[in-house]
Amino acid sequence: MKVMIRKDGKGAFSAYVPKKDLEEAIVSMARPGLWGGLITLGNGWQFDLPEMPADTALPITVEARRITGDAD
């Protein structure tokens, strides 16, 4: 599923899921560097993000695998 990851001026990460027209804060990350691990959104959805360099420029749209959340 396509997910756009961005960072606001205060350093907080958020994710936008175009297919669902959903934007939520990223409330937890399995890895401090964000990439290559699970993230949890404010609504409880979890995504497995691809491996990417820590200095990847944001915003960026990636293909992420949804682990939890409602059915399509």
C-alpha atoms as a PDB file:
ATOM      1  CA  MET A   1       0.000   0.000   0.000  1.00  0.00           C
ATOM      2  CA  LYS A   2       1.353   3.432  -0.847  1.00  0.00           C
ATOM      3  CA  VAL A   3       2.131   5.602   2.175  1.00  0.00           C
ATOM      4  CA  MET A   4       3.541   9.124   2.192  1.00  0.00           C
ATOM      5  CA  ILE A   5       5.848   9.835   5.129  1.00  0.00           C
ATOM      6  CA  ARG A   6       6.627  13.397   6.141  1.00  0.00           C
ATOM      7  CA  LYS A   7       8.069  15.353   9.038  1.00  0.00           C
ATOM      8  CA  ASP A   8       6.698  18.624  10.387  1.00  0.00           C
ATOM      9  CA  GLY A   9       8.694  21.620  11.590  1.00  0.00           C
ATOM     10  CA  LYS A  10       8.763  20.232  15.142  1.00  0.00           C
ATOM     11  CA  GLY A  11      10.298  16.929  14.031  1.00  0.00           C
ATOM     12  CA  ALA A  12       7.143  14.811  14.381  1.00  0.00           C
ATOM     13  CA  PHE A  13       6.510  12.193  11.692  1.00  0.00           C
ATOM     14  CA  SER A  14       3.135  11.609  10.045  1.00  0.00           C
ATOM     15  CA  ALA A  15       1.827   9.223   7.422  1.00  0.00           C
ATOM     16  CA  TYR A  16      -0.747   9.819   4.701  1.00  0.00           C
ATOM     17  CA  VAL A  17      -2.498   6.852   3.065  1.00  0.00           C
ATOM     18  CA  PRO A  18      -3.984   8.142  -0.220  1.00  0.00           C
ATOM     19  CA  LYS A  19      -6.119   5.038  -0.823  1.00  0.00           C
ATOM     20  CA  LYS A  20      -7.977   5.722   2.430  1.00  0.00           C
ATOM     21  CA  ASP A  21      -7.573   9.540   2.431  1.00  0.00           C
ATOM     22  CA  LEU A  22      -6.161   9.127   5.932  1.00  0.00           C
ATOM     23  CA  GLU A  23      -3.490  11.181   7.659  1.00  0.00           C
ATOM     24  CA  GLU A  24      -2.272  10.159  11.103  1.00  0.00           C
ATOM     25  CA  ALA A  25       0.664  10.897  13.354  1.00  0.00           C
ATOM     26  CA  ILE A  26       3.278   8.169  13.695  1.00  0.00           C
ATOM     27  CA  VAL A  27       3.094   7.409  17.411  1.00  0.00           C
ATOM     28  CA  SER A  28       5.744   4.679  17.619  1.00  0.00           C
ATOM     29  CA  MET A  29       8.587   3.253  15.574  1.00  0.00           C
ATOM     30  CA  ALA A  30      10.286  -0.123  16.011  1.00  0.00           C
ATOM     31  CA  ARG A  31      13.604   1.410  14.919  1.00  0.00           C
ATOM     32  CA  PRO A  32      14.919   4.845  15.857  1.00  0.00           C
ATOM     33  CA  GLY A  33      15.815   5.496  12.209  1.00  0.00           C
ATOM     34  CA  LEU A  34      12.213   4.854  11.030  1.00  0.00           C
ATOM     35  CA  TRP A  35      13.107   2.754   7.973  1.00  0.00           C
ATOM     36  CA  GLY A  36      13.008  -1.035   7.793  1.00  0.00           C
ATOM     37  CA  GLY A  37      10.709  -1.639  10.721  1.00  0.00           C
ATOM     38  CA  LEU A  38       7.176  -1.326  12.036  1.00  0.00           C
ATOM     39  CA  ILE A  39       5.487   2.000  12.625  1.00  0.00           C
ATOM     40  CA  THR A  40       2.221   2.542  14.465  1.00  0.00           C
ATOM     41  CA  LEU A  41      -0.171   5.325  13.517  1.00  0.00           C
ATOM     42  CA  GLY A  42      -2.415   7.243  15.883  1.00  0.00           C
ATOM     43  CA  ASN A  43      -5.432   5.170  14.827  1.00  0.00           C
ATOM     44  CA  GLY A  44      -3.647   1.875  15.648  1.00  0.00           C
ATOM     45  CA  TRP A  45      -2.720   0.815  12.119  1.00  0.00           C
ATOM     46  CA  GLN A  46       0.748  -0.688  11.748  1.00  0.00           C
ATOM     47  CA  PHE A  47       2.911  -0.647   8.641  1.00  0.00           C
ATOM     48  CA  ASP A  48       6.176  -2.377   7.831  1.00  0.00           C
ATOM     49  CA  LEU A  49       8.338   0.221   6.085  1.00  0.00           C
ATOM     50  CA  PRO A  50      11.027  -0.676   3.543  1.00  0.00           C
ATOM     51  CA  GLU A  51      14.741  -0.374   4.270  1.00  0.00           C
ATOM     52  CA  MET A  52      16.019   3.047   3.237  1.00  0.00           C
ATOM     53  CA  PRO A  53      18.998   5.219   4.198  1.00  0.00           C
ATOM     54  CA  ALA A  54      18.518   7.186   7.422  1.00  0.00           C
ATOM     55  CA  ASP A  55      19.074  10.465   5.543  1.00  0.00           C
ATOM     56  CA  THR A  56      16.268   9.841   3.006  1.00  0.00           C
ATOM     57  CA  ALA A  57      14.691  13.175   2.066  1.00  0.00           C
ATOM     58  CA  LEU A  58      11.106  13.707   3.229  1.00  0.00           C
ATOM     59  CA  PRO A  59       8.333  13.833   2.178  1.00  0.00           C
ATOM     60  CA  ILE A  60       8.488  10.546   0.300  1.00  0.00           C
ATOM     61  CA  THR A  61       5.926   8.018  -0.890  1.00  0.00           C
ATOM     62  CA  VAL A  62       6.864   4.381  -0.298  1.00  0.00           C
ATOM     63  CA  GLU A  63       5.266   0.978  -0.724  1.00  0.00           C
ATOM     64  CA  ALA A  64       4.606  -0.285   2.811  1.00  0.00           C
ATOM     65  CA  ARG A  65       2.934  -3.476   3.996  1.00  0.00           C
ATOM     66  CA  ARG A  66      -0.007  -2.972   6.340  1.00  0.00           C
ATOM     67  CA  ILE A  67       0.193  -5.314   9.309  1.00  0.00           C
ATOM     68  CA  THR A  68      -2.989  -4.298  11.149  1.00  0.00           C
ATOM     69  CA  GLY A  69      -6.020  -2.170  10.379  1.00  0.00           C
ATOM     70  CA  ASP A  70      -9.457  -2.554   8.855  1.00  0.00           C
ATOM     71  CA  ALA A  71      -9.980  -4.552   5.670  1.00  0.00           C
ATOM     72  CA  ASP A  72      -9.952  -2.777   2.282  1.00  0.00           C
END
